[in-house]
Protein backbone atom coordinates (compact mmCIF):
# COMPACT_ATOMS: atom_id res chain seq x y z
CA MET A 1 0.09 -0.02 -0.11
CA SER A 2 1.36 3.38 -1.06
CA PHE A 3 2.11 5.88 1.60
CA THR A 4 0.37 9.18 0.66
CA MET A 5 -0.17 12.18 2.74
CA ASN A 6 -1.80 15.57 1.66
CA SER A 7 -2.16 18.95 3.64
CA GLN A 8 -5.53 17.85 4.70
CA SER A 9 -4.31 14.80 6.32
CA LEU A 10 -1.83 17.00 8.26
CA VAL A 11 -4.47 19.38 9.39
CA PHE A 12 -6.65 16.43 10.47
CA LEU A 13 -3.66 14.80 12.51
CA SER A 14 -2.88 18.05 14.18
CA ILE A 15 -6.50 18.46 15.18
CA LEU A 16 -6.55 15.10 16.50
CA SER A 17 -3.42 15.52 18.49
CA SER A 18 -4.45 18.68 19.92
CA ILE A 19 -7.75 16.94 21.18
CA LEU A 20 -5.64 14.18 22.78
CA LEU A 21 -3.31 16.52 24.39
CA PHE A 22 -6.46 18.35 26.23
CA ASN A 23 -7.25 15.86 29.23
CA GLY A 24 -10.02 15.93 31.76
CA ASN A 25 -8.51 18.86 33.60
CA THR A 26 -9.05 21.12 30.44
CA ILE A 27 -12.65 19.96 30.15
CA ALA A 28 -13.12 20.95 33.63
CA GLN A 29 -12.19 24.48 33.10
CA SER A 30 -15.29 24.74 30.67
CA THR A 31 -17.07 28.13 31.54
CA THR A 32 -20.81 28.27 32.10
CA PRO A 33 -23.15 30.36 30.21
CA ALA A 34 -22.64 33.95 30.74
CA ASN A 35 -26.19 34.40 31.95
CA ARG A 36 -25.76 31.74 34.81
CA VAL A 37 -24.12 33.34 37.95
CA GLN A 38 -22.25 30.64 39.91
CA ARG A 39 -22.94 30.25 43.55
CA VAL A 40 -21.42 28.01 46.25
CA ILE A 41 -22.00 28.28 49.86
CA GLY A 42 -19.39 27.25 52.36
CA LEU A 43 -20.14 26.26 56.00
CA ASP A 44 -18.05 25.21 58.80
CA LEU A 45 -18.26 22.01 60.42
CA VAL A 46 -17.02 21.59 64.24
CA ARG A 47 -16.49 18.38 66.11
CA ARG A 48 -18.44 18.21 69.31
CA GLY A 49 -17.88 15.05 71.04
CA ASP A 50 -18.82 12.09 68.76
CA LYS A 51 -20.80 14.59 66.68
CA VAL A 52 -20.01 16.79 63.72
CA GLN A 53 -22.33 19.93 63.83
CA THR A 54 -22.68 23.42 62.74
CA THR A 55 -24.85 26.20 64.00
CA VAL A 56 -28.21 27.99 63.06
CA THR A 57 -29.46 31.25 64.49
CA PRO A 58 -33.01 32.46 63.84
CA SER A 59 -33.86 36.07 63.66
CA GLY A 60 -35.11 38.08 66.34
CA ASP A 61 -33.78 37.33 69.78
CA SER A 62 -33.04 33.49 69.52
CA PRO A 63 -29.73 32.23 70.61
CA ILE A 64 -27.30 30.23 68.44
CA THR A 65 -28.22 26.48 68.31
CA TRP A 66 -26.06 23.75 67.40
CA VAL A 67 -27.53 21.41 64.80
CA ASP A 68 -26.71 17.90 63.68
CA LEU A 69 -26.60 17.04 59.94
CA ASP A 70 -29.34 14.82 58.53
CA TYR A 71 -28.52 13.72 55.06
CA TRP A 72 -32.00 12.31 54.52
CA SER A 73 -34.89 14.48 56.18
CA SER A 74 -36.19 17.56 54.60
CA LEU A 75 -37.17 19.84 57.60
CA THR A 76 -34.73 21.88 59.42
CA TRP A 77 -35.63 22.64 63.04
CA VAL A 78 -34.67 23.86 66.39
CA PRO A 79 -35.94 23.08 69.80
CA SER A 80 -38.95 25.24 70.69
CA SER A 81 -36.98 26.38 73.84
CA ARG A 82 -34.28 27.77 71.57
CA TYR A 83 -36.51 30.10 69.29
CA ILE A 84 -38.03 33.48 70.19
CA LEU A 85 -40.30 34.92 67.62
CA GLY A 86 -38.71 38.16 66.25
CA ARG A 87 -40.46 41.52 65.94
CA THR A 88 -39.59 41.91 62.14
CA SER A 89 -41.96 41.35 59.26
CA GLN A 90 -39.70 38.19 58.26
CA SER A 91 -40.59 36.45 61.60
CA GLN A 92 -43.92 34.81 61.46
CA PRO A 93 -45.67 31.54 62.11
CA ALA A 94 -46.70 29.67 58.92
CA PRO A 95 -50.41 29.76 58.15
CA GLU A 96 -52.59 27.55 60.37
CA ASP A 97 -53.65 25.38 57.40
CA ILE A 98 -50.21 24.08 57.06
CA ASN A 99 -49.06 24.13 60.60
CA ARG A 100 -50.61 20.97 62.01
CA THR A 101 -47.21 19.23 61.83
CA THR A 102 -45.96 15.85 63.06
CA VAL A 103 -42.06 15.63 62.79
CA THR A 104 -40.05 12.63 62.60
CA LEU A 105 -36.72 12.89 64.34
CA PRO A 106 -33.37 11.33 63.48
CA ASP A 107 -33.88 8.53 65.79
CA GLY A 108 -37.25 7.60 64.21
CA THR A 109 -39.44 8.92 67.03
CA THR A 110 -42.07 11.57 66.22
CA THR A 111 -43.10 14.77 67.81
CA LYS A 112 -45.28 17.82 67.37
CA GLY A 113 -44.10 21.21 66.29
CA THR A 114 -44.71 24.59 64.65
CA LEU A 115 -43.72 25.76 61.15
CA LEU A 116 -42.18 29.18 60.90
CA PHE A 117 -41.01 31.53 58.21
CA ASP A 118 -37.98 33.52 59.41
CA ASN A 119 -34.41 34.65 58.54
CA LEU A 120 -32.06 31.70 59.24
CA PHE A 121 -28.30 32.17 59.64
CA ILE A 122 -26.68 28.88 58.94
CA ASP A 123 -23.13 29.25 60.24
CA GLN A 124 -22.37 32.79 58.89
CA PHE A 125 -24.73 32.23 55.93
CA ASN A 126 -28.18 34.15 55.83
CA ALA A 127 -30.47 31.88 54.17
CA SER A 128 -33.00 34.61 54.39
CA SER A 129 -36.80 33.73 54.75
CA VAL A 130 -36.86 30.00 55.20
CA LEU A 131 -39.36 27.57 56.36
CA PHE A 132 -38.27 25.68 59.29
CA GLY A 133 -39.73 24.03 62.52
CA SER A 134 -39.71 24.76 66.13
CA ILE A 135 -40.01 21.53 67.63
CA GLY A 136 -41.13 20.30 71.30
CA THR A 137 -38.02 18.27 72.46
CA ASN A 138 -36.03 17.86 75.60
CA GLY A 139 -32.75 18.46 74.02
CA SER A 140 -30.74 21.55 73.04
CA THR A 141 -29.61 20.51 69.61
CA GLY A 142 -31.55 20.97 66.37
CA VAL A 143 -31.24 19.36 62.94
CA LEU A 144 -29.92 20.80 59.63
CA ALA A 145 -31.88 18.88 57.20
CA LEU A 146 -30.10 18.38 53.79
CA GLY A 147 -32.45 15.94 52.19
CA ILE A 148 -35.46 16.18 50.01
CA ASP A 149 -38.04 13.63 51.46
CA ALA A 150 -40.61 14.33 53.91
CA SER A 151 -39.68 14.11 57.53
CA VAL A 152 -42.87 16.38 58.38
CA SER A 153 -46.30 15.33 57.95
CA LEU A 154 -48.45 18.15 56.55
CA ASP A 155 -52.30 18.91 55.66
CA ARG A 156 -50.97 20.72 52.74
CA LYS A 157 -48.92 18.88 50.19
CA ASP A 158 -47.74 21.74 48.16
CA VAL A 159 -45.52 23.19 50.97
CA GLU A 160 -41.77 22.72 50.38
CA THR A 161 -39.71 22.39 53.36
CA ALA A 162 -36.51 20.98 51.83
CA LEU A 163 -33.68 23.63 52.28
CA LEU A 164 -31.66 23.07 49.05
CA LYS A 165 -34.96 22.92 46.70
CA ASP A 166 -35.78 26.42 48.38
CA LEU A 167 -32.18 27.89 47.79
CA VAL A 168 -32.39 26.82 44.17
CA SER A 169 -35.91 28.15 43.61
CA ARG A 170 -34.61 31.62 45.08
CA LYS A 171 -31.53 31.30 42.88
CA VAL A 172 -29.08 31.26 45.86
CA ILE A 173 -27.44 28.07 44.45
CA ASN A 174 -28.00 26.64 41.01
CA ASP A 175 -28.13 22.70 41.74
CA GLU A 176 -29.47 20.48 44.40
CA ILE A 177 -26.16 19.16 45.47
CA TYR A 178 -23.98 19.49 48.50
CA SER A 179 -20.66 17.96 49.56
CA ILE A 180 -18.82 17.25 52.48
CA ARG A 181 -14.95 17.43 53.19
CA TRP A 182 -13.89 16.11 56.47
CA ASP A 183 -10.46 16.94 58.16
CA PRO A 184 -8.52 13.84 57.84
CA ASP A 185 -7.35 14.14 61.63
CA PRO A 186 -9.91 12.79 63.97
CA SER A 187 -8.49 14.90 66.85
CA SER A 188 -9.08 18.06 64.89
CA THR A 189 -11.63 20.51 66.29
CA SER A 190 -12.26 22.34 62.95
CA ASN A 191 -13.93 19.15 61.52
CA GLY A 192 -14.69 20.21 57.95
CA THR A 193 -16.68 22.12 55.40
CA LEU A 194 -20.25 21.64 53.86
CA LEU A 195 -20.66 23.07 50.43
CA LEU A 196 -24.12 23.78 49.20
CA GLY A 197 -24.35 23.90 45.43
CA GLY A 198 -20.64 22.95 44.88
CA ILE A 199 -17.71 20.77 45.34
CA ASP A 200 -14.20 21.15 46.55
CA THR A 201 -11.69 19.87 43.72
CA ASN A 202 -8.81 19.60 46.56
CA ALA A 203 -10.73 17.26 48.69
CA TYR A 204 -10.45 14.00 46.70
CA ARG A 205 -8.03 11.78 44.64
CA SER A 206 -8.72 10.08 41.37
CA ARG A 207 -12.32 10.48 39.95
CA LEU A 208 -15.92 10.92 41.53
CA ILE A 209 -17.56 7.62 41.02
CA PRO A 210 -21.43 7.48 40.91
CA LEU A 211 -23.39 5.47 43.34
CA PRO A 212 -27.05 4.96 42.67
CA LEU A 213 -29.27 5.23 45.54
CA SER A 214 -32.54 3.46 46.52
CA ARG A 215 -34.98 4.58 49.41
CA VAL A 216 -35.28 2.12 52.29
CA GLY A 217 -37.53 3.73 54.86
CA ARG A 218 -36.44 7.24 55.64
CA VAL A 219 -32.89 6.93 54.38
CA TYR A 220 -31.33 5.96 50.99
CA THR A 221 -28.94 3.16 50.50
CA GLY A 222 -26.35 2.38 47.94
CA ASP A 223 -24.61 -1.11 47.23
CA LEU A 224 -21.61 -2.09 48.83
CA SER A 225 -19.59 -4.71 46.67
CA GLY A 226 -16.98 -5.81 49.07
CA ILE A 227 -15.12 -5.55 52.42
CA SER A 228 -11.67 -6.56 53.10
CA PHE A 229 -9.29 -6.33 56.08
CA SER A 230 -5.58 -6.08 55.93
CA TYR A 231 -3.07 -6.62 58.81
CA ASP A 232 0.50 -5.38 58.59
CA SER A 233 0.05 -4.99 54.72
CA SER A 234 -1.11 -8.72 54.54
CA LEU A 235 -4.83 -9.50 53.45
CA ALA A 236 -6.41 -11.14 56.47
CA PHE A 237 -9.80 -11.82 54.84
CA SER A 238 -12.00 -10.42 52.12
CA THR A 239 -15.68 -11.05 51.04
CA THR A 240 -16.50 -13.12 47.97
CA SER A 241 -16.99 -11.78 44.60
CA ASP A 242 -20.65 -12.15 44.65
CA PHE A 243 -20.96 -10.05 48.02
CA LEU A 244 -23.49 -7.21 47.54
CA ILE A 245 -25.33 -5.59 50.48
CA PRO A 246 -26.98 -2.21 51.21
CA VAL A 247 -24.93 0.49 52.63
CA VAL A 248 -26.22 3.68 54.32
CA PHE A 249 -24.15 6.69 54.80
CA ASP A 250 -24.93 7.76 58.35
CA SER A 251 -24.75 11.45 59.57
CA THR A 252 -25.93 10.66 62.92
CA SER A 253 -23.26 8.57 64.21
CA SER A 254 -19.32 8.42 64.02
CA THR A 255 -18.99 4.61 64.25
CA ILE A 256 -19.18 1.99 61.35
CA LYS A 257 -21.82 -0.79 61.80
CA LEU A 258 -21.15 -4.16 60.10
CA PRO A 259 -23.13 -7.36 59.67
CA GLU A 260 -22.37 -9.95 62.33
CA GLN A 261 -20.34 -12.33 60.46
CA ILE A 262 -17.88 -9.66 59.14
CA LEU A 263 -17.69 -7.99 62.69
CA ASN A 264 -16.95 -11.54 64.24
CA ALA A 265 -14.20 -12.07 61.64
CA ILE A 266 -12.43 -8.80 62.52
CA THR A 267 -12.62 -9.15 66.23
CA GLU A 268 -11.59 -12.84 66.22
CA TYR A 269 -8.49 -11.97 64.14
CA LEU A 270 -7.45 -9.20 66.39
CA GLN A 271 -8.33 -11.13 69.40
CA ALA A 272 -10.57 -8.37 70.61
CA ILE A 273 -12.01 -8.51 74.03
CA PRO A 274 -15.31 -6.52 75.20
CA ASN A 275 -15.21 -3.77 77.82
CA ASP A 276 -17.99 -3.04 80.47
CA ASN A 277 -20.08 -1.19 77.73
CA GLY A 278 -20.02 -4.01 75.41
CA GLN A 279 -17.38 -2.31 72.97
CA TRP A 280 -14.60 -4.29 71.55
CA MET A 281 -11.24 -3.44 72.67
CA VAL A 282 -7.89 -4.08 70.72
CA PRO A 283 -4.13 -3.49 71.39
CA CYS A 284 -3.53 0.20 70.78
CA LEU A 285 -0.18 -0.39 69.09
CA LEU A 286 -1.35 -2.08 65.91
CA PRO A 287 0.79 -2.46 62.81
CA GLN A 288 0.48 1.03 61.00
CA SER A 289 -0.43 -0.54 57.78
CA THR A 290 -3.41 -2.32 59.27
CA SER A 291 -6.58 -1.11 57.48
CA LEU A 292 -10.20 -1.75 56.58
CA SER A 293 -11.29 -1.31 52.96
CA PHE A 294 -14.83 -0.97 51.31
CA LEU A 295 -15.47 -1.59 47.71
CA PHE A 296 -18.20 0.23 45.65
CA ASN A 297 -19.38 0.11 42.18
CA LYS A 298 -17.40 -3.05 41.24
CA ASN A 299 -17.42 -2.03 37.50
CA GLN A 300 -15.40 1.10 38.27
CA ASN A 301 -13.44 -0.47 41.08
CA LEU A 302 -13.91 2.23 43.84
CA ASN A 303 -12.06 1.30 46.90
CA ILE A 304 -11.86 3.31 49.99
CA ASP A 305 -9.23 2.27 52.64
CA ILE A 306 -9.53 3.50 56.06
CA PRO A 307 -6.25 3.22 58.21
CA PHE A 308 -7.05 1.22 61.52
CA SER A 309 -5.53 4.17 63.47
CA GLN A 310 -8.70 6.26 62.74
CA LEU A 311 -10.74 3.26 63.73
CA ILE A 312 -9.64 3.08 67.39
CA SER A 313 -10.07 5.54 70.32
CA PRO A 314 -8.45 5.26 73.78
CA ASP A 315 -10.19 3.39 76.40
CA ARG A 316 -10.38 4.97 79.91
CA SER A 317 -10.39 1.50 81.57
CA SER A 318 -7.03 0.48 79.93
CA SER A 319 -3.74 2.12 79.09
CA THR A 320 -2.72 -0.44 76.53
CA ARG A 321 -6.18 -1.16 74.81
CA CYS A 322 -8.35 0.91 72.83
CA THR A 323 -11.93 0.77 71.61
CA ILE A 324 -12.78 0.04 67.94
CA ASN A 325 -15.24 2.34 66.80
CA ILE A 326 -17.17 -0.54 64.86
CA GLU A 327 -20.31 -2.00 66.04
CA LEU A 328 -23.10 -4.69 65.13
CA SER A 329 -25.32 -3.45 62.51
CA PRO A 330 -29.08 -3.56 63.68
CA ASN A 331 -29.88 -5.43 60.45
CA ASN A 332 -28.13 -6.73 57.40
CA ASN A 333 -27.12 -3.27 56.16
CA THR A 334 -23.77 -1.63 56.65
CA TYR A 335 -23.76 2.01 58.24
CA LEU A 336 -20.86 4.21 57.54
CA GLY A 337 -20.48 7.03 59.88
CA THR A 338 -18.43 10.07 60.04
CA ILE A 339 -15.25 8.08 60.71
CA PHE A 340 -15.56 6.52 57.25
CA GLN A 341 -16.32 9.70 55.76
CA ARG A 342 -12.86 11.05 56.76
CA SER A 343 -11.44 8.77 54.14
CA ALA A 344 -13.94 9.47 51.47
CA TYR A 345 -15.14 12.57 49.81
CA THR A 346 -18.89 12.39 49.36
CA VAL A 347 -21.19 14.52 46.88
CA PHE A 348 -24.96 14.12 47.23
CA ASP A 349 -26.94 14.77 44.12
CA LEU A 350 -30.50 15.20 45.37
CA SER A 351 -32.36 15.81 42.11
CA ARG A 352 -31.13 12.70 40.65
CA ARG A 353 -31.10 10.34 43.58
CA GLN A 354 -27.32 9.75 43.29
CA LEU A 355 -24.22 9.83 45.51
CA PHE A 356 -20.73 10.53 43.99
CA VAL A 357 -17.79 9.30 46.02
CA ALA A 358 -13.78 9.28 45.74
CA PRO A 359 -10.91 8.67 47.99
CA SER A 360 -10.19 11.77 50.19
CA SER A 361 -7.16 13.64 49.43
CA GLY A 362 -5.96 13.05 53.02
CA LYS A 363 -4.68 16.43 53.33
CA ASN A 364 -5.90 19.09 55.91
CA PHE A 365 -7.06 22.49 54.98
CA THR A 366 -3.50 24.07 55.69
CA GLU A 367 -1.86 21.56 53.13
CA ALA A 368 -4.56 21.90 50.68
CA PRO A 369 -6.88 24.93 51.11
CA PRO A 370 -10.45 24.38 49.69
CA ILE A 371 -10.88 24.95 45.79
CA LEU A 372 -14.58 25.57 45.38
CA VAL A 373 -16.17 25.07 41.89
CA GLU A 374 -19.87 24.99 41.14
CA ALA A 375 -20.86 21.55 39.94
CA LEU A 376 -22.24 22.10 36.37
CA GLN A 377 -23.20 19.83 33.54
CA THR A 378 -21.23 22.06 31.25
CA ALA A 379 -17.92 21.16 33.05
CA THR A 380 -18.49 17.33 33.17
CA GLY A 381 -17.73 14.18 31.35
CA ILE A 382 -20.48 12.49 33.26
CA ASP A 383 -23.74 12.56 31.09
CA ASN A 384 -26.79 13.77 32.99
CA SER A 385 -24.84 14.62 36.16
CA PRO A 386 -23.83 18.01 37.33
CA VAL A 387 -20.75 16.64 39.19
CA PRO A 388 -17.53 17.26 37.29
CA ASP A 389 -15.57 14.35 35.91
CA LEU A 390 -12.58 15.75 37.57
CA GLU A 391 -8.99 14.51 38.67
CA GLY A 392 -7.95 15.72 42.20
CA GLY A 393 -5.93 18.80 42.23
CA SER A 394 -7.11 20.28 39.10
CA PRO A 395 -6.35 23.87 38.38
CA ALA A 396 -8.07 26.30 40.58
CA PRO A 397 -11.18 28.18 39.28
CA PRO A 398 -11.78 31.94 39.75
CA PRO A 399 -11.88 33.05 43.50
CA LEU A 400 -14.83 33.42 45.58
CA GLU A 401 -16.12 36.86 46.28
CA PRO A 402 -19.16 38.15 48.20
CA SER A 403 -21.87 39.54 46.12
CA SER A 404 -22.93 43.17 46.79
CA ASP A 405 -26.65 42.28 47.48
CA ASP A 406 -27.06 39.52 49.88
CA GLY A 407 -23.81 38.33 51.04
CA THR A 408 -24.05 35.06 48.91
CA PRO A 409 -20.66 33.84 47.80
CA VAL A 410 -20.49 34.34 43.96
CA LEU A 411 -17.94 32.57 41.58
CA ARG A 412 -16.90 35.47 39.37
CA SER A 413 -15.44 35.12 36.02
CA LYS A 414 -11.70 36.39 35.81
CA ALA A 415 -8.71 35.90 33.71
CA LEU A 416 -7.42 32.40 32.92
CA PRO A 417 -5.43 31.13 36.01
CA THR A 418 -1.66 30.69 35.35
CA GLU A 419 -1.80 26.85 35.26
CA ALA A 420 -4.45 27.08 32.53
CA ILE A 421 -2.22 29.38 30.23
CA ILE A 422 0.73 27.03 30.83
CA GLY A 423 -1.34 24.01 29.95
CA ILE A 424 -2.34 25.81 26.56
CA VAL A 425 1.19 26.65 25.75
CA ILE A 426 2.37 23.28 26.36
CA ALA A 427 -0.53 21.85 24.21
CA VAL A 428 0.15 24.17 21.25
CA PHE A 429 3.85 23.24 21.52
CA GLY A 430 3.14 19.54 21.43
CA VAL A 431 0.83 20.05 18.39
CA MET A 432 3.65 21.80 16.68
CA VAL A 433 6.10 19.04 17.37
CA ILE A 434 3.82 16.21 16.17
CA ALA A 435 3.31 18.18 12.99
CA ILE A 436 6.90 18.53 12.30
CA LEU A 437 7.58 15.04 12.95
CA ILE A 438 4.81 13.97 10.51
CA ILE A 439 6.27 16.24 7.91
CA LEU A 440 9.75 14.82 8.28
CA LEU A 441 8.27 11.20 8.06
CA TYR A 442 6.45 12.11 4.83
CA ARG A 443 9.48 13.56 3.18
CA LYS A 444 11.64 10.66 4.24
CA LYS A 445 9.11 8.27 2.48
CA LYS A 446 8.86 10.36 -0.58
CA LYS A 447 12.67 10.35 -0.96
CA GLU A 448 12.92 6.51 -0.46
CA ASP A 449 10.12 6.03 -3.13
CA GLY A 450 11.99 8.12 -5.61
CA GLU A 451 15.17 6.32 -5.07
CA GLU A 452 13.46 3.08 -5.58
CA LYS A 453 11.80 4.18 -8.71
CA ASN A 454 15.17 5.62 -10.00
CA SER A 455 17.02 2.29 -9.27
CA LEU A 456 14.27 -0.09 -10.58
CA THR A 457 12.96 1.66 -13.68
CA SER A 458 16.18 1.60 -15.37
CA GLY A 459 14.76 -1.78 -16.61
CA TYR A 460 14.92 -5.49 -15.77
CA PRO A 461 17.86 -7.23 -17.92
CA GLY A 462 16.59 -8.67 -21.13
CA TYR A 463 13.12 -7.03 -21.17
CA VAL A 464 11.67 -4.02 -22.65
CA ASN A 465 8.93 -1.49 -21.59
CA PRO A 466 9.68 -1.36 -17.90
CA THR A 467 6.66 0.26 -16.20
CA PHE A 468 6.65 1.53 -12.56
CA GLY A 469 3.52 1.49 -10.44
CA SER A 470 1.00 -0.81 -9.05
CA VAL A 471 -0.46 -3.64 -11.06
CA SER A 472 -3.73 -3.40 -12.72
CA ASP A 473 -7.17 -4.79 -11.22
CA THR A 474 -6.89 -7.52 -13.89
CA TRP A 475 -3.32 -8.45 -12.95
CA MET A 476 -4.39 -8.48 -9.10
CA ASN A 477 -6.41 -11.60 -10.06
CA THR A 478 -3.63 -14.25 -9.87
CA SER A 479 -5.75 -16.56 -12.16
CA SER A 480 -5.24 -14.20 -15.01
CA VAL A 481 -1.59 -14.04 -14.76
CA ARG A 482 -0.99 -17.17 -16.73
CA SER A 483 1.97 -16.59 -18.59
CA PHE A 484 4.31 -14.77 -16.26
CA GLU A 485 7.66 -16.17 -16.56
CA ASP A 486 9.45 -14.92 -13.40
CA TYR A 487 8.95 -12.88 -10.23
CA VAL A 488 12.01 -11.17 -8.83
CA VAL A 489 12.13 -9.79 -5.19
CA VAL A 490 14.37 -6.68 -4.97
CA GLU A 491 15.82 -6.95 -1.91
CA GLY A 492 15.14 -4.18 0.62
CA ARG A 493 12.94 -2.32 -1.56
CA GLY A 494 9.52 -3.95 -1.03
CA ALA A 495 8.93 -4.24 -4.66
CA GLY A 496 9.16 -7.03 -7.34
CA TRP A 497 9.17 -7.46 -11.01
CA ILE A 498 6.48 -9.53 -12.77
CA VAL A 499 8.00 -10.83 -16.18
CA GLU A 500 5.67 -12.19 -19.00
CA THR A 501 5.60 -12.32 -22.78
CA ARG A 502 2.95 -10.31 -24.54
CA ASP A 503 2.57 -10.40 -28.50
CA GLY A 504 5.97 -12.03 -28.54
CA VAL A 505 7.52 -9.24 -26.76
CA ARG A 506 8.86 -9.95 -23.20
CA HIS A 507 7.77 -7.20 -20.64
CA ALA A 508 8.69 -6.60 -17.07
CA SER A 509 6.40 -4.55 -14.81
CA LEU A 510 7.49 -3.36 -11.45
CA VAL A 511 4.93 -3.69 -8.62
CA LYS A 512 4.79 -3.16 -5.00
CA LYS A 513 5.29 -6.37 -3.05
CA GLY A 514 2.18 -7.62 -1.30
CA ARG A 515 -0.42 -6.32 -3.78
CA PHE A 516 -1.30 -9.99 -4.73
CA LYS A 517 -0.39 -13.35 -4.15
CA LEU A 518 1.83 -14.99 -6.75
CA GLY A 519 1.47 -18.77 -7.65
CA ARG A 520 2.51 -20.96 -10.37
């Protein structure tokens, strides 16, 4: 087959090479439509005991109230003892016809409450006029509800209590997603950040992998494809290839709850003993490379490793033994509390009932300050999802600045970051190098073909009318070549002579070797 290349081929290859040089990080820098303002809200999370909490402050004379995160319920509420109705026009009870309210608490119990419209400060963010609950409960802690399904029973079904839906409808954020980054150090006081409407690209490694969710009761579950336990770098045990059980990402607890068979395997291997509270204790000085691993989405091989040092806590009754923060599951599900979530970065996509997970970057906020980016479909390689198909540590987007109207952080468009400019320069240089190499190869091949023609078309000894070129279609049918007398391979040239007698005259035709099969 002859080697031919024209200018259009060079242009095509140049374009193709430029496409190949622009990887996923470049895709991640795709800009959003000019008419869409980017908004990401960042909230601080604080560790208090075994809870991870933030604060809410209703308007009026109400005090600051600590609230637990609830991934699944839809009504944010504070204890009635912590709310004082303000004197502003923003502070008002909800109309009576929607205020006959029964609320389901995170522990599954129900209680009565009152719905309120009021300004609500979440951490330092003013969510403006929000519908939330004032609930009769003995505790002093409320709930920040991040879910979309009903945790409240109303006579009116057209009342929206889900916080993220409300923020989207008022264009405070653009997408019903939230993500959580935990500080990898369990002893850290500043425990993490909660992002509403965006993600932190410095929070994870590798890629965000989708985990479809199914509703079971008041929570959503995904599929857990495997569990393995390694001791001192050696695999101690793992589940079988057909293992598949529901998994719940649990915001109400710091512990991991496992099915009985798996929990027994771990405690027996470590020779754990129970303490007076029924918790399992193991030696505090376990080998550093001991870990517990969880496999999700077997097709994409998402594996989250948890160092065992993060799974143990000092036990007051012993100076040498520590408590394992692993408990028996109340059913056959696996529950992954906040200890697990320190090793994983989670993005909740509420509108599509999907969870995205990736290994945590393992860096604290000093080592890797948050890089906030709105999760937009225009910046993604994952179809039908607002979550970017990003690699960890991708170039930073434009910085966050407060807007001038309501204090909501706004992601403003600025000049390309230095990393993006460097990437473009490298890509252009790479395209030029590839184009030059292609031209040089073309010229070399053309020169060799010319030398071959000059050396061979001088004729085959004893024959007349030497002809250079490919044999005709008729000649390519070997059955029609009946009178050929010889075939001579020209060493090193990839060509040969077909010799035959036509009309009493002996002819030699030069052909490219391999164009047809010769046979006598």
